[in-house]
Amino acid sequence: MAARAAILLGAERVISIDRIPERLEMTERHIGSEVIDCTTTDVGAEVRERTGGRGPDVCIEAVGMEAHSDSPVHLHDQVKQQLRLQTDRPTAVRQAIHACHKGGRSSSSACSPAPSTSFPRAW
């Protein structure tokens, strides 16, 4: 949905990143965006290559709880989550921020899990 919205709002180029082959195929076929499979590609390097080394103007993180990584940073995030020191999965957010060119914008539109307590969240 974020890719389609970007196209409708006039984005010159849209690159969708996912790890589920069916979603990548559907996005490429129905939305018309370029796709990257994050399980087989270094996303940061691939995005830089596709943007001529510059990086995207805007990155939208929209995966929420499905985002994960095999890096040591993921292990650190898991420990924080198990200790209830964290209520989201920052992997995709972190990648989006680092992928944007200097002065670019990063946005997160994904759902995050509710906190383990019953206190309301302020957004």
C-alpha atoms as a PDB file:
ATOM      1  CA  MET A   1       0.000   0.000   0.000  1.00  0.00           C
ATOM      2  CA  ALA A   2       2.861   2.378   0.786  1.00  0.00           C
ATOM      3  CA  ALA A   3       4.429   1.687  -2.632  1.00  0.00           C
ATOM      4  CA  ARG A   4       1.145   2.367  -4.427  1.00  0.00           C
ATOM      5  CA  ALA A   5       0.598   5.559  -2.425  1.00  0.00           C
ATOM      6  CA  ALA A   6       4.100   6.750  -3.328  1.00  0.00           C
ATOM      7  CA  ILE A   7       3.399   6.158  -7.025  1.00  0.00           C
ATOM      8  CA  LEU A   8       0.034   7.932  -6.828  1.00  0.00           C
ATOM      9  CA  LEU A   9       1.688  10.880  -5.069  1.00  0.00           C
ATOM     10  CA  GLY A  10       4.165  11.268  -7.920  1.00  0.00           C
ATOM     11  CA  ALA A  11       7.271   9.368  -6.850  1.00  0.00           C
ATOM     12  CA  GLU A  12       9.588   9.095  -9.829  1.00  0.00           C
ATOM     13  CA  ARG A  13      10.822   5.682  -8.744  1.00  0.00           C
ATOM     14  CA  VAL A  14       9.685   3.217  -6.070  1.00  0.00           C
ATOM     15  CA  ILE A  15      11.729   0.294  -4.755  1.00  0.00           C
ATOM     16  CA  SER A  16       9.912  -2.219  -2.531  1.00  0.00           C
ATOM     17  CA  ILE A  17      11.913  -4.453  -0.187  1.00  0.00           C
ATOM     18  CA  ASP A  18      10.576  -7.652   1.366  1.00  0.00           C
ATOM     19  CA  ARG A  19      11.556 -11.205   2.265  1.00  0.00           C
ATOM     20  CA  ILE A  20       8.373 -12.976   1.092  1.00  0.00           C
ATOM     21  CA  PRO A  21       8.621 -13.971  -2.616  1.00  0.00           C
ATOM     22  CA  GLU A  22       4.842 -13.886  -3.123  1.00  0.00           C
ATOM     23  CA  ARG A  23       4.597 -10.312  -1.860  1.00  0.00           C
ATOM     24  CA  LEU A  24       7.531  -9.231  -4.017  1.00  0.00           C
ATOM     25  CA  GLU A  25       5.960 -10.784  -7.107  1.00  0.00           C
ATOM     26  CA  MET A  26       2.564  -9.256  -6.329  1.00  0.00           C
ATOM     27  CA  THR A  27       4.093  -5.828  -5.721  1.00  0.00           C
ATOM     28  CA  GLU A  28       6.066  -5.951  -8.944  1.00  0.00           C
ATOM     29  CA  ARG A  29       3.073  -7.144 -10.979  1.00  0.00           C
ATOM     30  CA  HIS A  30       0.252  -5.047  -9.497  1.00  0.00           C
ATOM     31  CA  ILE A  31       2.031  -1.946  -8.213  1.00  0.00           C
ATOM     32  CA  GLY A  32       4.781  -1.675 -10.795  1.00  0.00           C
ATOM     33  CA  SER A  33       7.572  -0.900  -8.361  1.00  0.00           C
ATOM     34  CA  GLU A  34      11.055  -2.347  -8.479  1.00  0.00           C
ATOM     35  CA  VAL A  35      11.650  -5.051  -5.865  1.00  0.00           C
ATOM     36  CA  ILE A  36      14.535  -6.294  -3.716  1.00  0.00           C
ATOM     37  CA  ASP A  37      14.534  -9.584  -1.813  1.00  0.00           C
ATOM     38  CA  CYS A  38      16.248  -8.725   1.473  1.00  0.00           C
ATOM     39  CA  THR A  39      17.115 -12.378   2.182  1.00  0.00           C
ATOM     40  CA  THR A  40      19.374 -12.668  -0.858  1.00  0.00           C
ATOM     41  CA  THR A  41      20.715  -9.125  -1.227  1.00  0.00           C
ATOM     42  CA  ASP A  42      22.617  -6.562   0.815  1.00  0.00           C
ATOM     43  CA  VAL A  43      19.791  -4.027   0.831  1.00  0.00           C
ATOM     44  CA  GLY A  44      21.932  -0.986   1.585  1.00  0.00           C
ATOM     45  CA  ALA A  45      24.410  -1.724  -1.198  1.00  0.00           C
ATOM     46  CA  GLU A  46      21.664  -2.591  -3.688  1.00  0.00           C
ATOM     47  CA  VAL A  47      19.689   0.591  -2.971  1.00  0.00           C
ATOM     48  CA  ARG A  48      22.830   2.715  -3.276  1.00  0.00           C
ATOM     49  CA  GLU A  49      23.663   1.027  -6.591  1.00  0.00           C
ATOM     50  CA  ARG A  50      20.147   1.539  -7.962  1.00  0.00           C
ATOM     51  CA  THR A  51      20.198   5.206  -6.953  1.00  0.00           C
ATOM     52  CA  GLY A  52      23.627   5.927  -8.422  1.00  0.00           C
ATOM     53  CA  GLY A  53      25.308   5.980  -5.005  1.00  0.00           C
ATOM     54  CA  ARG A  54      23.092   8.746  -3.698  1.00  0.00           C
ATOM     55  CA  GLY A  55      20.419   6.842  -1.753  1.00  0.00           C
ATOM     56  CA  PRO A  56      16.673   7.424  -1.837  1.00  0.00           C
ATOM     57  CA  ASP A  57      15.041  10.759  -1.040  1.00  0.00           C
ATOM     58  CA  VAL A  58      12.405   9.065   1.126  1.00  0.00           C
ATOM     59  CA  CYS A  59      12.310   5.684   2.891  1.00  0.00           C
ATOM     60  CA  ILE A  60       9.062   4.329   4.324  1.00  0.00           C
ATOM     61  CA  GLU A  61       9.328   1.481   6.815  1.00  0.00           C
ATOM     62  CA  ALA A  62       6.073  -0.471   6.799  1.00  0.00           C
ATOM     63  CA  VAL A  63       6.847  -3.956   8.116  1.00  0.00           C
ATOM     64  CA  GLY A  64       6.367  -3.657  11.867  1.00  0.00           C
ATOM     65  CA  MET A  65       6.874  -6.902  13.786  1.00  0.00           C
ATOM     66  CA  GLU A  66       8.052  -8.905  10.757  1.00  0.00           C
ATOM     67  CA  ALA A  67      11.350  -7.050  10.498  1.00  0.00           C
ATOM     68  CA  HIS A  68      14.373  -8.969  11.669  1.00  0.00           C
ATOM     69  CA  SER A  69      17.992  -9.557  10.842  1.00  0.00           C
ATOM     70  CA  ASP A  70      20.694 -12.152  11.404  1.00  0.00           C
ATOM     71  CA  SER A  71      23.254  -9.567  12.494  1.00  0.00           C
ATOM     72  CA  PRO A  72      24.630  -9.096  16.031  1.00  0.00           C
ATOM     73  CA  VAL A  73      22.460  -5.978  16.278  1.00  0.00           C
ATOM     74  CA  HIS A  74      19.400  -8.239  16.017  1.00  0.00           C
ATOM     75  CA  LEU A  75      20.639 -10.283  18.974  1.00  0.00           C
ATOM     76  CA  HIS A  76      20.982  -7.071  20.991  1.00  0.00           C
ATOM     77  CA  ASP A  77      17.433  -6.070  19.987  1.00  0.00           C
ATOM     78  CA  GLN A  78      16.124  -9.519  21.001  1.00  0.00           C
ATOM     79  CA  VAL A  79      17.727  -9.283  24.446  1.00  0.00           C
ATOM     80  CA  LYS A  80      16.176  -5.849  24.975  1.00  0.00           C
ATOM     81  CA  GLN A  81      12.821  -7.198  23.869  1.00  0.00           C
ATOM     82  CA  GLN A  82      13.010 -10.205  26.207  1.00  0.00           C
ATOM     83  CA  LEU A  83      13.875  -7.916  29.112  1.00  0.00           C
ATOM     84  CA  ARG A  84      10.863  -5.775  28.180  1.00  0.00           C
ATOM     85  CA  LEU A  85      13.106  -2.792  27.522  1.00  0.00           C
ATOM     86  CA  GLN A  86      11.815  -2.421  23.987  1.00  0.00           C
ATOM     87  CA  THR A  87       8.386  -2.632  22.386  1.00  0.00           C
ATOM     88  CA  ASP A  88       9.194  -2.650  18.691  1.00  0.00           C
ATOM     89  CA  ARG A  89      11.515  -4.122  16.080  1.00  0.00           C
ATOM     90  CA  PRO A  90      13.989  -1.446  14.977  1.00  0.00           C
ATOM     91  CA  THR A  91      15.818  -3.415  12.258  1.00  0.00           C
ATOM     92  CA  ALA A  92      13.835  -2.080   9.288  1.00  0.00           C
ATOM     93  CA  VAL A  93      13.617   1.403  10.792  1.00  0.00           C
ATOM     94  CA  ARG A  94      17.396   1.463  11.224  1.00  0.00           C
ATOM     95  CA  GLN A  95      17.928   0.267   7.634  1.00  0.00           C
ATOM     96  CA  ALA A  96      15.542   2.913   6.294  1.00  0.00           C
ATOM     97  CA  ILE A  97      17.324   5.705   8.149  1.00  0.00           C
ATOM     98  CA  HIS A  98      20.772   4.585   6.965  1.00  0.00           C
ATOM     99  CA  ALA A  99      19.626   4.087   3.356  1.00  0.00           C
ATOM    100  CA  CYS A 100      18.374   7.658   2.814  1.00  0.00           C
ATOM    101  CA  HIS A 101      20.747  10.202   1.368  1.00  0.00           C
ATOM    102  CA  LYS A 102      21.883  13.074   3.576  1.00  0.00           C
ATOM    103  CA  GLY A 103      18.908  15.348   4.034  1.00  0.00           C
ATOM    104  CA  GLY A 104      16.508  12.569   3.001  1.00  0.00           C
ATOM    105  CA  ARG A 105      13.430  11.616   4.993  1.00  0.00           C
ATOM    106  CA  SER A 106      12.551   8.384   6.725  1.00  0.00           C
ATOM    107  CA  SER A 107       9.086   7.465   7.933  1.00  0.00           C
ATOM    108  CA  SER A 108       7.616   4.540   9.818  1.00  0.00           C
ATOM    109  CA  SER A 109       4.016   3.637   9.108  1.00  0.00           C
ATOM    110  CA  ALA A 110       4.058   0.103  10.485  1.00  0.00           C
ATOM    111  CA  CYS A 111       2.201  -1.337  13.424  1.00  0.00           C
ATOM    112  CA  SER A 112       4.200  -1.996  16.544  1.00  0.00           C
ATOM    113  CA  PRO A 113       3.153  -4.345  19.286  1.00  0.00           C
ATOM    114  CA  ALA A 114       1.283  -2.975  22.266  1.00  0.00           C
ATOM    115  CA  PRO A 115       3.394  -2.439  25.344  1.00  0.00           C
ATOM    116  CA  SER A 116       3.387  -5.199  27.920  1.00  0.00           C
ATOM    117  CA  THR A 117       1.569  -2.940  30.363  1.00  0.00           C
ATOM    118  CA  SER A 118      -1.905  -1.491  30.076  1.00  0.00           C
ATOM    119  CA  PHE A 119      -0.698   2.116  29.932  1.00  0.00           C
ATOM    120  CA  PRO A 120      -1.882   3.996  26.826  1.00  0.00           C
ATOM    121  CA  ARG A 121       0.685   5.037  24.264  1.00  0.00           C
ATOM    122  CA  ALA A 122       0.991   8.650  23.188  1.00  0.00           C
ATOM    123  CA  TRP A 123       1.832   9.116  19.514  1.00  0.00           C
END
